[in-house]
N, C-alpha and C. Protein backbone atom coordinates (compact mmCIF):
# COMPACT_ATOMS: atom_id res chain seq x y z
N UNK A 1 45.11 190.72 261.96
CA UNK A 1 44.23 190.77 262.62
C UNK A 1 43.03 191.00 262.42
N UNK A 2 42.12 190.15 263.93
CA UNK A 2 40.96 190.06 263.87
C UNK A 2 39.04 191.07 264.84
N UNK A 3 38.70 190.65 264.36
CA UNK A 3 37.91 191.41 265.08
C UNK A 3 36.69 190.58 265.31
N UNK A 4 36.24 191.47 266.67
CA UNK A 4 34.59 190.70 267.06
C UNK A 4 33.66 191.43 268.17
N UNK A 5 32.36 191.51 268.16
CA UNK A 5 32.55 192.51 269.09
C UNK A 5 31.80 191.90 270.70
N UNK A 6 32.22 192.07 271.56
CA UNK A 6 31.97 192.52 273.30
C UNK A 6 31.43 192.95 273.96
N UNK A 7 30.12 191.51 274.98
CA UNK A 7 29.72 192.32 275.11
C UNK A 7 30.06 192.24 276.77
N UNK A 8 29.85 193.06 277.72
CA UNK A 8 30.28 192.78 279.34
C UNK A 8 31.44 192.08 279.45
N UNK A 9 32.77 191.68 278.38
CA UNK A 9 33.62 190.97 278.37
C UNK A 9 33.86 189.82 277.21
N UNK A 10 32.17 189.10 277.05
CA UNK A 10 32.59 187.92 276.65
C UNK A 10 31.78 188.16 274.42
N UNK A 11 32.66 187.36 274.12
CA UNK A 11 32.93 187.55 272.42
C UNK A 11 31.04 187.37 272.36
N UNK A 12 30.87 188.20 271.38
CA UNK A 12 29.37 187.95 270.97
C UNK A 12 29.72 187.15 270.01
N UNK A 13 30.39 187.38 269.28
CA UNK A 13 30.19 187.55 266.99
C UNK A 13 31.30 186.95 267.36
N UNK A 14 30.90 186.38 265.54
CA UNK A 14 32.90 185.35 264.92
C UNK A 14 33.47 186.78 264.88
N UNK A 15 34.62 185.78 265.02
CA UNK A 15 35.75 186.89 264.15
C UNK A 15 35.78 187.26 262.98
N UNK A 16 35.65 189.20 262.78
CA UNK A 16 35.63 189.48 261.05
C UNK A 16 37.16 189.34 260.49
N UNK A 17 37.95 189.65 259.54
CA UNK A 17 38.87 190.62 259.04
C UNK A 17 39.41 192.32 259.37
N UNK A 18 38.24 192.30 259.30
CA UNK A 18 38.37 194.37 259.28
C UNK A 18 36.82 195.21 260.77
N UNK A 19 37.76 195.72 261.51
CA UNK A 19 37.17 196.21 262.33
C UNK A 19 35.52 196.62 261.46
N UNK A 20 35.37 197.64 260.23
CA UNK A 20 34.82 197.70 259.75
C UNK A 20 32.79 197.20 259.69
N UNK A 21 33.60 195.24 259.07
CA UNK A 21 33.02 194.55 259.40
C UNK A 21 32.85 194.02 260.88
N UNK A 22 32.85 194.06 262.02
CA UNK A 22 32.52 194.11 263.46
C UNK A 22 31.87 195.15 263.75
N UNK A 23 31.97 196.72 263.10
CA UNK A 23 30.81 197.17 263.31
C UNK A 23 29.40 196.94 262.86
N UNK A 24 29.75 196.44 261.78
CA UNK A 24 28.38 196.25 260.88
C UNK A 24 27.60 195.31 260.76
N UNK A 25 28.41 194.48 261.95
CA UNK A 25 27.70 192.68 262.59
C UNK A 25 26.60 193.12 263.44
N UNK A 26 27.22 194.82 264.00
CA UNK A 26 26.26 195.06 265.50
C UNK A 26 26.01 195.83 265.10
N UNK A 27 26.04 196.54 264.02
CA UNK A 27 24.27 197.96 263.25
C UNK A 27 23.58 196.29 262.75
N UNK A 28 23.53 194.88 261.64
CA UNK A 28 22.67 194.44 261.94
C UNK A 28 22.10 193.84 263.44
N UNK A 29 23.48 193.73 263.77
CA UNK A 29 21.87 193.18 265.83
C UNK A 29 21.59 194.12 266.04
N UNK A 30 21.23 195.35 265.71
CA UNK A 30 20.61 196.77 266.52
C UNK A 30 21.04 197.43 267.88
N UNK A 31 22.89 196.79 267.73
CA UNK A 31 23.94 197.26 268.44
C UNK A 31 24.59 198.62 268.96
N UNK A 32 23.94 199.14 267.19
CA UNK A 32 24.95 200.64 267.45
C UNK A 32 23.49 201.34 267.45
N UNK A 33 24.06 202.89 268.34
CA UNK A 33 23.01 204.01 267.72
C UNK A 33 23.17 204.84 267.18
N UNK A 34 22.55 206.09 266.76
CA UNK A 34 23.12 208.05 267.13
C UNK A 34 22.62 208.01 267.76
N UNK A 35 23.81 209.06 267.79
CA UNK A 35 23.45 209.56 269.29
C UNK A 35 23.87 211.52 268.80
N UNK A 36 23.51 212.20 268.91
CA UNK A 36 23.17 213.94 268.46
C UNK A 36 24.91 213.96 269.04
N UNK A 37 25.32 215.13 267.85
CA UNK A 37 26.40 215.40 268.70
C UNK A 37 27.33 216.46 267.94
N UNK A 38 27.36 217.84 268.26
CA UNK A 38 27.41 219.26 266.95
C UNK A 38 25.71 219.73 266.63
N UNK A 39 26.62 219.45 265.16
CA UNK A 39 25.31 219.37 263.77
C UNK A 39 25.20 217.70 263.51
N UNK A 40 24.90 217.06 263.83
CA UNK A 40 24.28 215.92 262.47
C UNK A 40 24.41 214.15 264.32
N UNK A 41 25.39 213.36 263.86
CA UNK A 41 25.31 211.80 264.55
C UNK A 41 26.03 211.88 264.47
N UNK A 42 26.47 210.72 265.74
CA UNK A 42 27.53 209.94 265.44
C UNK A 42 26.60 208.56 266.09
N UNK A 43 27.65 206.81 265.76
CA UNK A 43 27.29 205.67 266.01
C UNK A 43 28.23 205.59 266.93
N UNK A 44 27.31 205.34 268.05
CA UNK A 44 27.90 204.39 269.54
C UNK A 44 27.29 203.39 269.35
N UNK A 45 27.83 202.32 270.00
CA UNK A 45 27.37 200.80 270.34
C UNK A 45 26.73 200.59 271.49
N UNK A 46 26.17 200.35 272.16
CA UNK A 46 25.21 200.38 273.86
C UNK A 46 26.16 199.89 274.29
N UNK A 47 26.00 200.85 275.22
CA UNK A 47 27.29 200.83 277.16
C UNK A 47 27.69 199.82 277.53
N UNK A 48 26.94 198.68 276.93
CA UNK A 48 27.74 197.45 277.25
C UNK A 48 28.37 196.53 275.72
N UNK A 49 28.83 197.33 275.14
CA UNK A 49 29.71 196.71 273.87
C UNK A 49 30.64 197.40 273.74
N UNK A 50 31.52 196.28 273.16
CA UNK A 50 32.75 197.17 272.52
C UNK A 50 33.24 196.33 271.03
N UNK A 51 34.22 197.12 269.92
CA UNK A 51 34.48 196.25 269.33
C UNK A 51 36.08 196.31 269.65
N UNK A 52 36.21 194.68 269.36
CA UNK A 52 37.77 194.94 270.32
C UNK A 52 38.29 193.48 269.63
N UNK A 53 40.23 193.31 269.45
CA UNK A 53 40.45 193.23 268.71
C UNK A 53 40.86 191.08 269.53
N UNK A 54 40.63 190.09 268.64
CA UNK A 54 40.43 188.28 269.27
C UNK A 54 41.28 187.71 268.72
N UNK A 55 41.33 186.51 268.69
CA UNK A 55 42.38 185.47 268.48
C UNK A 55 42.06 185.09 267.66
N UNK A 56 42.84 184.87 266.33
CA UNK A 56 42.34 185.20 264.78
C UNK A 56 42.30 183.25 264.59
N UNK A 57 40.86 183.01 265.33
CA UNK A 57 40.15 181.83 264.73
C UNK A 57 39.91 182.01 263.22
N UNK A 58 39.09 180.75 262.66
CA UNK A 58 39.12 181.31 261.05
C UNK A 58 38.10 182.12 260.90
N UNK A 59 38.32 182.78 260.07
CA UNK A 59 37.56 184.77 259.64
C UNK A 59 37.03 183.70 258.34
N UNK A 60 35.93 183.54 257.98
CA UNK A 60 35.06 184.52 256.94
C UNK A 60 35.44 185.14 255.89
N UNK A 61 35.89 184.81 254.24
CA UNK A 61 36.70 186.14 253.78
C UNK A 61 35.54 186.68 252.97
N UNK A 62 35.54 187.74 253.41
CA UNK A 62 34.29 188.66 252.35
C UNK A 62 33.62 188.57 251.64
N UNK A 63 34.42 187.84 250.61
CA UNK A 63 32.99 187.57 250.09
C UNK A 63 32.36 186.35 249.98
N UNK A 64 32.70 185.60 250.89
CA UNK A 64 32.16 184.42 251.78
C UNK A 64 30.95 184.65 252.74
N UNK A 65 30.99 185.36 253.11
CA UNK A 65 30.27 186.48 254.27
C UNK A 65 28.44 186.92 253.82
């Protein structure tokens, strides 16, 4: 299964092999925020963004990305 970053329903990243790789892409693009929670913080996506599964187009292997 492939995952990508979506904003307002439109895919804004290439597909990635793992959900974690898609999160890394979103973080690199500045779309991840740290929100205080309890004694620490949690990472959340910008309010308009989501990580979702997507069509299995070409996915670049992690060792080549």
